[in-house]
Amino acid sequence: MSSLSSGELDESVASPPEPMQLEVCSPRRSRLRRRLAVRVVGGLLAFLVLAFVLPPAFGLQRHTITDDAMSGTYEPGAVVFAKSQLVVDLEVGDVITYAVPSDYGDELVTRRIFDIEGGVIWTSRDSTGEIDPWTLSFSQLTQQRAVVDIPYAGYVYDAVSRSVKKAWNLLQR
């Protein structure tokens, strides 16, 4: 039972909530948000141009690392840019990107040169140090040697590439 007189308020009874007031952004805050959004989008576009449009202009080939054979140096999803170099100038320790001999598949891989002897090249995996089961003897004068990488950029590039291909296929119908 309550011992309150008729003129006293019971503080234990909750009062009705005050109406919510929406915070309206000032025009200045809206401009700042738009500028930030434009800078973020502009930064992403600049990254894409720098990472995927300019390298070919400098003679670099792009290759996305898809396995963990080079972990420790290049992780899966990294984009490696390689430049053509004379085969005679390759050295033990250089990282090259090449097509696996047909007996072992048809994929493009990136590996470290383990040994060169009499025009034959042995490559190895950085992750395990294991020597690849094939040897390479290049009939062409040049080979792609890795010069720079962008970690995880391959995931972005592949996603954008798939989206563009899907859009192109839809337009062709």
N, C-alpha and C. Protein backbone atom coordinates (compact mmCIF):
# COMPACT_ATOMS: atom_id res chain seq x y z
N MET A 1 0.83 -1.18 0.00
CA MET A 1 0.00 0.00 0.00
C MET A 1 0.86 1.22 0.00
N SER A 2 0.41 2.21 -0.67
CA SER A 2 1.15 3.46 -0.76
C SER A 2 0.71 4.40 0.33
N SER A 3 1.66 5.07 0.90
CA SER A 3 1.34 6.03 1.96
C SER A 3 1.48 7.45 1.45
N LEU A 4 1.25 7.66 0.17
CA LEU A 4 1.36 9.00 -0.40
C LEU A 4 0.05 9.72 -0.29
N SER A 5 0.14 10.97 0.01
CA SER A 5 -1.09 11.78 0.02
C SER A 5 -1.43 12.14 -1.41
N SER A 6 -2.60 12.63 -1.63
CA SER A 6 -3.06 12.90 -2.98
C SER A 6 -2.23 13.95 -3.70
N GLY A 7 -1.51 14.80 -3.05
CA GLY A 7 -0.73 15.86 -3.70
C GLY A 7 0.71 15.45 -4.00
N GLU A 8 1.17 14.30 -3.48
CA GLU A 8 2.55 13.87 -3.69
C GLU A 8 2.65 12.96 -4.91
N LEU A 9 3.81 13.00 -5.57
CA LEU A 9 4.06 12.14 -6.72
C LEU A 9 4.88 10.93 -6.31
N ASP A 10 4.55 9.82 -6.86
CA ASP A 10 5.33 8.61 -6.62
C ASP A 10 6.46 8.58 -7.63
N GLU A 11 7.71 8.70 -7.13
CA GLU A 11 8.87 8.74 -8.04
C GLU A 11 9.19 7.39 -8.63
N SER A 12 8.66 6.32 -8.07
CA SER A 12 8.96 5.00 -8.60
C SER A 12 8.19 4.71 -9.88
N VAL A 13 7.15 5.48 -10.17
CA VAL A 13 6.39 5.31 -11.40
C VAL A 13 7.11 6.09 -12.49
N ALA A 14 7.41 5.41 -13.58
CA ALA A 14 8.15 6.05 -14.67
C ALA A 14 7.30 7.10 -15.35
N SER A 15 7.95 8.20 -15.67
CA SER A 15 7.26 9.24 -16.42
C SER A 15 7.32 8.88 -17.90
N PRO A 16 6.39 9.38 -18.69
CA PRO A 16 6.38 9.04 -20.13
C PRO A 16 7.68 9.54 -20.78
N PRO A 17 8.18 8.79 -21.75
CA PRO A 17 9.43 9.20 -22.41
C PRO A 17 9.24 10.51 -23.17
N GLU A 18 10.32 11.26 -23.20
CA GLU A 18 10.27 12.51 -23.96
C GLU A 18 10.32 12.17 -25.44
N PRO A 19 9.66 12.96 -26.26
CA PRO A 19 9.68 12.66 -27.70
C PRO A 19 11.11 12.73 -28.24
N MET A 20 11.44 11.81 -29.18
CA MET A 20 12.78 11.80 -29.79
C MET A 20 12.93 13.00 -30.69
N GLN A 21 14.09 13.55 -30.61
CA GLN A 21 14.39 14.67 -31.50
C GLN A 21 15.43 14.19 -32.51
N LEU A 22 15.11 14.31 -33.77
CA LEU A 22 16.04 13.93 -34.81
C LEU A 22 17.08 15.02 -34.99
N GLU A 23 18.32 14.55 -35.11
CA GLU A 23 19.40 15.51 -35.32
C GLU A 23 19.48 15.78 -36.81
N VAL A 24 19.32 17.00 -37.19
CA VAL A 24 19.39 17.38 -38.59
C VAL A 24 20.80 17.86 -38.87
N CYS A 25 21.40 17.31 -39.94
CA CYS A 25 22.75 17.72 -40.30
C CYS A 25 22.73 19.15 -40.81
N SER A 26 23.73 19.85 -40.39
CA SER A 26 23.86 21.21 -40.90
C SER A 26 24.35 21.12 -42.35
N PRO A 27 24.12 22.16 -43.13
CA PRO A 27 24.62 22.15 -44.51
C PRO A 27 26.13 21.95 -44.55
N ARG A 28 26.84 22.47 -43.57
CA ARG A 28 28.30 22.33 -43.55
C ARG A 28 28.68 20.86 -43.34
N ARG A 29 28.01 20.19 -42.40
CA ARG A 29 28.30 18.79 -42.14
C ARG A 29 27.97 17.93 -43.37
N SER A 30 26.89 18.24 -44.07
CA SER A 30 26.53 17.52 -45.29
C SER A 30 27.61 17.68 -46.35
N ARG A 31 28.11 18.90 -46.51
CA ARG A 31 29.19 19.14 -47.48
C ARG A 31 30.43 18.35 -47.12
N LEU A 32 30.77 18.30 -45.84
CA LEU A 32 31.94 17.55 -45.40
C LEU A 32 31.79 16.07 -45.69
N ARG A 33 30.59 15.53 -45.47
CA ARG A 33 30.34 14.11 -45.77
C ARG A 33 30.44 13.83 -47.26
N ARG A 34 29.88 14.73 -48.07
CA ARG A 34 29.99 14.56 -49.53
C ARG A 34 31.44 14.60 -49.98
N ARG A 35 32.19 15.56 -49.44
CA ARG A 35 33.61 15.66 -49.80
C ARG A 35 34.37 14.40 -49.42
N LEU A 36 34.07 13.87 -48.24
CA LEU A 36 34.73 12.64 -47.80
C LEU A 36 34.38 11.48 -48.73
N ALA A 37 33.11 11.36 -49.10
CA ALA A 37 32.69 10.30 -50.01
C ALA A 37 33.37 10.44 -51.36
N VAL A 38 33.46 11.66 -51.87
CA VAL A 38 34.12 11.90 -53.16
C VAL A 38 35.60 11.53 -53.07
N ARG A 39 36.23 11.87 -51.96
CA ARG A 39 37.66 11.55 -51.80
C ARG A 39 37.89 10.05 -51.70
N VAL A 40 37.00 9.35 -51.00
CA VAL A 40 37.15 7.90 -50.89
C VAL A 40 36.98 7.25 -52.26
N VAL A 41 35.93 7.62 -52.98
CA VAL A 41 35.69 7.06 -54.31
C VAL A 41 36.84 7.44 -55.25
N GLY A 42 37.26 8.69 -55.18
CA GLY A 42 38.39 9.14 -56.00
C GLY A 42 39.67 8.39 -55.68
N GLY A 43 39.89 8.12 -54.40
CA GLY A 43 41.07 7.36 -53.99
C GLY A 43 41.03 5.94 -54.51
N LEU A 44 39.85 5.31 -54.47
CA LEU A 44 39.71 3.95 -55.01
C LEU A 44 39.96 3.93 -56.51
N LEU A 45 39.41 4.91 -57.21
CA LEU A 45 39.63 4.98 -58.66
C LEU A 45 41.10 5.21 -58.98
N ALA A 46 41.74 6.09 -58.23
CA ALA A 46 43.17 6.35 -58.44
C ALA A 46 43.96 5.07 -58.19
N PHE A 47 43.60 4.33 -57.13
CA PHE A 47 44.27 3.06 -56.84
C PHE A 47 44.12 2.09 -58.02
N LEU A 48 42.89 1.96 -58.52
CA LEU A 48 42.66 1.05 -59.64
C LEU A 48 43.45 1.45 -60.87
N VAL A 49 43.50 2.75 -61.16
CA VAL A 49 44.28 3.22 -62.32
C VAL A 49 45.75 2.94 -62.11
N LEU A 50 46.27 3.31 -60.94
CA LEU A 50 47.69 3.09 -60.67
C LEU A 50 48.05 1.62 -60.66
N ALA A 51 47.15 0.79 -60.13
CA ALA A 51 47.46 -0.61 -59.98
C ALA A 51 47.25 -1.44 -61.24
N PHE A 52 46.30 -1.04 -62.09
CA PHE A 52 45.95 -1.93 -63.19
C PHE A 52 46.00 -1.31 -64.58
N VAL A 53 46.07 -0.02 -64.68
CA VAL A 53 46.12 0.62 -66.00
C VAL A 53 47.54 1.05 -66.34
N LEU A 54 48.21 1.67 -65.39
CA LEU A 54 49.56 2.16 -65.66
C LEU A 54 50.63 1.08 -65.82
N PRO A 55 50.63 0.01 -65.03
CA PRO A 55 51.71 -0.98 -65.18
C PRO A 55 51.91 -1.50 -66.60
N PRO A 56 50.84 -1.84 -67.35
CA PRO A 56 51.08 -2.28 -68.72
C PRO A 56 51.76 -1.21 -69.59
N ALA A 57 51.52 0.06 -69.27
CA ALA A 57 52.18 1.13 -70.01
C ALA A 57 53.69 1.12 -69.79
N PHE A 58 54.12 0.53 -68.69
CA PHE A 58 55.55 0.42 -68.40
C PHE A 58 56.10 -0.97 -68.69
N GLY A 59 55.34 -1.76 -69.43
CA GLY A 59 55.80 -3.08 -69.84
C GLY A 59 55.66 -4.15 -68.77
N LEU A 60 54.81 -3.93 -67.78
CA LEU A 60 54.63 -4.92 -66.71
C LEU A 60 53.41 -5.79 -67.00
N GLN A 61 53.54 -7.06 -66.72
CA GLN A 61 52.44 -8.01 -66.86
C GLN A 61 51.87 -8.28 -65.48
N ARG A 62 50.55 -8.45 -65.37
CA ARG A 62 49.88 -8.70 -64.10
C ARG A 62 49.59 -10.19 -63.94
N HIS A 63 49.82 -10.69 -62.72
CA HIS A 63 49.50 -12.08 -62.41
C HIS A 63 48.99 -12.13 -60.97
N THR A 64 47.84 -12.78 -60.77
CA THR A 64 47.29 -12.94 -59.42
C THR A 64 47.77 -14.26 -58.84
N ILE A 65 48.30 -14.20 -57.63
CA ILE A 65 48.76 -15.41 -56.94
C ILE A 65 47.53 -16.18 -56.47
N THR A 66 47.42 -17.44 -56.89
CA THR A 66 46.23 -18.23 -56.55
C THR A 66 46.54 -19.38 -55.60
N ASP A 67 47.81 -19.68 -55.37
CA ASP A 67 48.14 -20.76 -54.44
C ASP A 67 49.04 -20.23 -53.33
N ASP A 68 49.36 -21.10 -52.38
CA ASP A 68 50.18 -20.65 -51.26
C ASP A 68 51.65 -21.05 -51.41
N ALA A 69 52.05 -21.40 -52.60
CA ALA A 69 53.43 -21.86 -52.82
C ALA A 69 54.47 -20.79 -52.52
N MET A 70 54.09 -19.52 -52.63
CA MET A 70 55.05 -18.44 -52.39
C MET A 70 54.75 -17.71 -51.08
N SER A 71 53.96 -18.34 -50.19
CA SER A 71 53.64 -17.72 -48.91
C SER A 71 54.92 -17.34 -48.17
N GLY A 72 54.86 -16.20 -47.57
CA GLY A 72 56.05 -15.64 -46.93
C GLY A 72 56.63 -14.54 -47.79
N THR A 73 56.47 -14.68 -49.10
CA THR A 73 56.90 -13.65 -50.05
C THR A 73 55.68 -13.01 -50.68
N TYR A 74 54.83 -13.83 -51.30
CA TYR A 74 53.59 -13.38 -51.92
C TYR A 74 52.47 -14.27 -51.41
N GLU A 75 51.48 -13.67 -50.77
CA GLU A 75 50.36 -14.44 -50.23
C GLU A 75 49.28 -14.62 -51.31
N PRO A 76 48.44 -15.64 -51.18
CA PRO A 76 47.33 -15.80 -52.14
C PRO A 76 46.50 -14.51 -52.20
N GLY A 77 46.12 -14.13 -53.41
CA GLY A 77 45.35 -12.91 -53.61
C GLY A 77 46.20 -11.70 -53.96
N ALA A 78 47.52 -11.83 -53.82
CA ALA A 78 48.40 -10.71 -54.19
C ALA A 78 48.48 -10.61 -55.71
N VAL A 79 48.65 -9.40 -56.19
CA VAL A 79 48.91 -9.19 -57.61
C VAL A 79 50.40 -8.95 -57.75
N VAL A 80 51.03 -9.74 -58.61
CA VAL A 80 52.46 -9.58 -58.87
C VAL A 80 52.60 -9.00 -60.27
N PHE A 81 53.41 -7.97 -60.37
CA PHE A 81 53.72 -7.39 -61.67
C PHE A 81 55.11 -7.84 -62.07
N ALA A 82 55.21 -8.35 -63.29
CA ALA A 82 56.47 -8.90 -63.77
C ALA A 82 56.90 -8.15 -65.03
N LYS A 83 58.21 -8.02 -65.17
CA LYS A 83 58.79 -7.33 -66.32
C LYS A 83 59.62 -8.33 -67.12
N SER A 84 59.57 -8.18 -68.42
CA SER A 84 60.36 -9.05 -69.30
C SER A 84 61.84 -8.82 -69.06
N GLN A 85 62.57 -9.92 -68.93
CA GLN A 85 64.01 -9.85 -68.74
C GLN A 85 64.65 -10.92 -69.59
N LEU A 86 65.82 -10.65 -70.10
CA LEU A 86 66.54 -11.65 -70.89
C LEU A 86 66.78 -12.89 -70.02
N VAL A 87 66.54 -14.06 -70.58
CA VAL A 87 66.72 -15.31 -69.85
C VAL A 87 68.17 -15.45 -69.38
N VAL A 88 69.11 -15.02 -70.20
CA VAL A 88 70.53 -15.14 -69.82
C VAL A 88 70.88 -14.26 -68.61
N ASP A 89 70.04 -13.26 -68.31
CA ASP A 89 70.29 -12.39 -67.16
C ASP A 89 69.60 -12.85 -65.88
N LEU A 90 68.80 -13.93 -65.96
CA LEU A 90 68.15 -14.45 -64.76
C LEU A 90 69.19 -15.05 -63.83
N GLU A 91 68.93 -14.92 -62.53
CA GLU A 91 69.86 -15.43 -61.53
C GLU A 91 69.12 -16.28 -60.50
N VAL A 92 69.86 -17.13 -59.82
CA VAL A 92 69.30 -17.90 -58.71
C VAL A 92 68.77 -16.90 -57.69
N GLY A 93 67.54 -17.14 -57.23
CA GLY A 93 66.90 -16.23 -56.28
C GLY A 93 65.87 -15.31 -56.91
N ASP A 94 65.95 -15.13 -58.24
CA ASP A 94 64.93 -14.31 -58.92
C ASP A 94 63.59 -15.04 -58.85
N VAL A 95 62.50 -14.26 -58.82
CA VAL A 95 61.15 -14.83 -58.83
C VAL A 95 60.59 -14.60 -60.22
N ILE A 96 60.12 -15.68 -60.84
CA ILE A 96 59.60 -15.60 -62.21
C ILE A 96 58.17 -16.13 -62.26
N THR A 97 57.42 -15.66 -63.25
CA THR A 97 56.07 -16.14 -63.52
C THR A 97 56.11 -16.82 -64.88
N TYR A 98 55.61 -18.06 -64.94
CA TYR A 98 55.68 -18.82 -66.18
C TYR A 98 54.54 -19.84 -66.24
N ALA A 99 54.32 -20.38 -67.43
CA ALA A 99 53.32 -21.44 -67.62
C ALA A 99 53.96 -22.76 -67.23
N VAL A 100 53.25 -23.53 -66.42
CA VAL A 100 53.72 -24.84 -66.01
C VAL A 100 53.83 -25.73 -67.26
N PRO A 101 54.87 -26.58 -67.34
CA PRO A 101 54.95 -27.51 -68.48
C PRO A 101 53.66 -28.31 -68.62
N SER A 102 53.27 -28.57 -69.86
CA SER A 102 51.96 -29.18 -70.15
C SER A 102 51.73 -30.51 -69.44
N ASP A 103 52.77 -31.26 -69.13
CA ASP A 103 52.59 -32.53 -68.42
C ASP A 103 52.02 -32.31 -67.02
N TYR A 104 52.14 -31.09 -66.49
CA TYR A 104 51.73 -30.79 -65.12
C TYR A 104 50.50 -29.87 -65.05
N GLY A 105 49.93 -29.54 -66.16
CA GLY A 105 48.76 -28.66 -66.18
C GLY A 105 48.96 -27.52 -67.15
N ASP A 106 48.09 -26.54 -67.05
CA ASP A 106 48.19 -25.41 -67.97
C ASP A 106 48.09 -24.08 -67.23
N GLU A 107 48.48 -24.08 -65.96
CA GLU A 107 48.34 -22.87 -65.17
C GLU A 107 49.60 -22.01 -65.21
N LEU A 108 49.40 -20.76 -64.86
CA LEU A 108 50.50 -19.80 -64.73
C LEU A 108 50.89 -19.76 -63.27
N VAL A 109 52.18 -19.91 -62.96
CA VAL A 109 52.63 -19.91 -61.57
C VAL A 109 53.77 -18.92 -61.39
N THR A 110 53.97 -18.55 -60.14
CA THR A 110 55.09 -17.68 -59.77
C THR A 110 55.96 -18.47 -58.80
N ARG A 111 57.24 -18.60 -59.12
CA ARG A 111 58.16 -19.40 -58.30
C ARG A 111 59.53 -18.73 -58.27
N ARG A 112 60.34 -19.15 -57.30
CA ARG A 112 61.71 -18.65 -57.15
C ARG A 112 62.67 -19.60 -57.88
N ILE A 113 63.66 -19.02 -58.57
CA ILE A 113 64.67 -19.84 -59.24
C ILE A 113 65.59 -20.44 -58.17
N PHE A 114 65.66 -21.77 -58.18
CA PHE A 114 66.47 -22.50 -57.21
C PHE A 114 67.87 -22.76 -57.76
N ASP A 115 67.93 -23.10 -59.07
CA ASP A 115 69.22 -23.40 -59.68
C ASP A 115 69.12 -23.20 -61.19
N ILE A 116 70.23 -22.84 -61.78
CA ILE A 116 70.34 -22.71 -63.24
C ILE A 116 71.62 -23.42 -63.65
N GLU A 117 71.47 -24.36 -64.59
CA GLU A 117 72.65 -25.09 -65.04
C GLU A 117 72.46 -25.53 -66.48
N GLY A 118 73.36 -25.11 -67.35
CA GLY A 118 73.32 -25.52 -68.75
C GLY A 118 72.02 -25.16 -69.45
N GLY A 119 71.45 -24.00 -69.15
CA GLY A 119 70.22 -23.57 -69.80
C GLY A 119 68.95 -24.18 -69.21
N VAL A 120 69.10 -24.99 -68.16
CA VAL A 120 67.95 -25.60 -67.49
C VAL A 120 67.74 -24.88 -66.16
N ILE A 121 66.47 -24.57 -65.88
CA ILE A 121 66.13 -23.83 -64.66
C ILE A 121 65.27 -24.71 -63.76
N TRP A 122 65.64 -24.78 -62.48
CA TRP A 122 64.84 -25.44 -61.47
C TRP A 122 64.22 -24.36 -60.60
N THR A 123 62.94 -24.52 -60.26
CA THR A 123 62.27 -23.53 -59.42
C THR A 123 61.80 -24.20 -58.13
N SER A 124 61.53 -23.36 -57.14
CA SER A 124 61.08 -23.89 -55.86
C SER A 124 59.99 -23.01 -55.26
N ARG A 125 59.34 -23.55 -54.25
CA ARG A 125 58.27 -22.85 -53.53
C ARG A 125 58.87 -22.21 -52.29
N ASP A 126 58.54 -20.95 -52.04
CA ASP A 126 59.03 -20.29 -50.83
C ASP A 126 58.40 -20.86 -49.57
N SER A 127 57.15 -21.32 -49.67
CA SER A 127 56.42 -21.76 -48.47
C SER A 127 57.04 -23.01 -47.85
N THR A 128 57.53 -23.92 -48.67
CA THR A 128 58.06 -25.19 -48.15
C THR A 128 59.52 -25.40 -48.51
N GLY A 129 60.02 -24.65 -49.47
CA GLY A 129 61.39 -24.87 -49.95
C GLY A 129 61.46 -26.05 -50.92
N GLU A 130 60.32 -26.68 -51.17
CA GLU A 130 60.24 -27.84 -52.05
C GLU A 130 60.58 -27.43 -53.49
N ILE A 131 61.41 -28.23 -54.14
CA ILE A 131 61.76 -27.98 -55.55
C ILE A 131 60.64 -28.53 -56.42
N ASP A 132 60.23 -27.76 -57.42
CA ASP A 132 59.15 -28.20 -58.31
C ASP A 132 59.59 -29.43 -59.09
N PRO A 133 58.64 -30.32 -59.44
CA PRO A 133 58.99 -31.58 -60.12
C PRO A 133 59.36 -31.40 -61.59
N TRP A 134 59.30 -30.22 -62.12
CA TRP A 134 59.62 -29.98 -63.51
C TRP A 134 60.87 -29.10 -63.62
N THR A 135 61.43 -29.10 -64.80
CA THR A 135 62.52 -28.17 -65.12
C THR A 135 62.06 -27.30 -66.27
N LEU A 136 62.68 -26.17 -66.41
CA LEU A 136 62.33 -25.24 -67.47
C LEU A 136 63.54 -25.01 -68.36
N SER A 137 63.31 -25.01 -69.64
CA SER A 137 64.34 -24.59 -70.59
C SER A 137 63.62 -23.67 -71.57
N PHE A 138 63.96 -22.43 -71.51
CA PHE A 138 63.23 -21.42 -72.27
C PHE A 138 63.75 -21.31 -73.69
N SER A 139 62.84 -21.47 -74.63
CA SER A 139 63.22 -21.31 -76.02
C SER A 139 63.16 -19.84 -76.44
N GLN A 140 62.37 -19.04 -75.72
CA GLN A 140 62.29 -17.62 -76.03
C GLN A 140 63.45 -16.88 -75.34
N LEU A 141 63.70 -15.67 -75.77
CA LEU A 141 64.83 -14.90 -75.24
C LEU A 141 64.54 -14.23 -73.91
N THR A 142 63.25 -13.99 -73.63
CA THR A 142 62.90 -13.27 -72.40
C THR A 142 61.96 -14.08 -71.52
N GLN A 143 61.91 -13.70 -70.27
CA GLN A 143 61.05 -14.34 -69.28
C GLN A 143 60.54 -13.26 -68.33
N GLN A 144 59.33 -13.45 -67.80
CA GLN A 144 58.74 -12.49 -66.87
C GLN A 144 59.33 -12.66 -65.47
N ARG A 145 59.99 -11.62 -64.96
CA ARG A 145 60.57 -11.63 -63.61
C ARG A 145 59.76 -10.69 -62.72
N ALA A 146 59.33 -11.17 -61.56
CA ALA A 146 58.52 -10.38 -60.63
C ALA A 146 59.32 -9.18 -60.12
N VAL A 147 58.68 -8.01 -60.16
CA VAL A 147 59.36 -6.80 -59.69
C VAL A 147 58.63 -6.11 -58.54
N VAL A 148 57.31 -6.26 -58.47
CA VAL A 148 56.54 -5.60 -57.40
C VAL A 148 55.23 -6.36 -57.21
N ASP A 149 54.69 -6.25 -56.00
CA ASP A 149 53.39 -6.88 -55.75
C ASP A 149 52.51 -5.94 -54.95
N ILE A 150 51.20 -6.19 -55.05
CA ILE A 150 50.21 -5.46 -54.24
C ILE A 150 49.41 -6.53 -53.50
N PRO A 151 49.62 -6.65 -52.17
CA PRO A 151 48.91 -7.69 -51.41
C PRO A 151 47.40 -7.53 -51.52
N TYR A 152 46.71 -8.64 -51.67
CA TYR A 152 45.24 -8.76 -51.67
C TYR A 152 44.55 -8.05 -52.84
N ALA A 153 45.26 -7.35 -53.67
CA ALA A 153 44.63 -6.62 -54.77
C ALA A 153 44.03 -7.55 -55.81
N GLY A 154 44.49 -8.78 -55.87
CA GLY A 154 43.95 -9.74 -56.82
C GLY A 154 42.49 -10.03 -56.57
N TYR A 155 42.09 -10.06 -55.29
CA TYR A 155 40.69 -10.29 -54.97
C TYR A 155 39.82 -9.16 -55.53
N VAL A 156 40.28 -7.93 -55.38
CA VAL A 156 39.54 -6.77 -55.89
C VAL A 156 39.50 -6.82 -57.41
N TYR A 157 40.66 -7.03 -58.02
CA TYR A 157 40.74 -7.06 -59.48
C TYR A 157 39.84 -8.15 -60.05
N ASP A 158 39.90 -9.35 -59.47
CA ASP A 158 39.08 -10.45 -59.98
C ASP A 158 37.59 -10.18 -59.82
N ALA A 159 37.19 -9.57 -58.70
CA ALA A 159 35.78 -9.25 -58.48
C ALA A 159 35.31 -8.22 -59.50
N VAL A 160 36.09 -7.18 -59.72
CA VAL A 160 35.74 -6.16 -60.70
C VAL A 160 35.71 -6.76 -62.10
N SER A 161 36.69 -7.59 -62.40
CA SER A 161 36.76 -8.22 -63.72
C SER A 161 35.54 -9.09 -63.99
N ARG A 162 35.14 -9.89 -63.00
CA ARG A 162 33.95 -10.73 -63.17
C ARG A 162 32.70 -9.89 -63.38
N SER A 163 32.58 -8.79 -62.63
CA SER A 163 31.41 -7.91 -62.76
C SER A 163 31.36 -7.28 -64.15
N VAL A 164 32.50 -6.85 -64.64
CA VAL A 164 32.55 -6.23 -65.97
C VAL A 164 32.20 -7.26 -67.03
N LYS A 165 32.72 -8.48 -66.89
CA LYS A 165 32.42 -9.54 -67.87
C LYS A 165 30.92 -9.86 -67.88
N LYS A 166 30.32 -9.94 -66.68
CA LYS A 166 28.87 -10.21 -66.60
C LYS A 166 28.08 -9.10 -67.26
N ALA A 167 28.46 -7.86 -66.99
CA ALA A 167 27.76 -6.72 -67.59
C ALA A 167 27.91 -6.75 -69.11
N TRP A 168 29.09 -7.06 -69.58
CA TRP A 168 29.35 -7.11 -71.02
C TRP A 168 28.50 -8.20 -71.66
N ASN A 169 28.44 -9.36 -71.02
CA ASN A 169 27.62 -10.46 -71.56
C ASN A 169 26.15 -10.10 -71.61
N LEU A 170 25.66 -9.38 -70.61
CA LEU A 170 24.26 -8.95 -70.61
C LEU A 170 24.00 -7.95 -71.74
N LEU A 171 24.96 -7.10 -72.01
CA LEU A 171 24.79 -6.12 -73.10
C LEU A 171 24.81 -6.79 -74.47
N GLN A 172 25.48 -7.91 -74.59
CA GLN A 172 25.59 -8.61 -75.88
C GLN A 172 24.31 -9.36 -76.25
N ARG A 173 23.43 -9.56 -75.29
CA ARG A 173 22.20 -10.33 -75.57
C ARG A 173 21.19 -9.54 -76.33
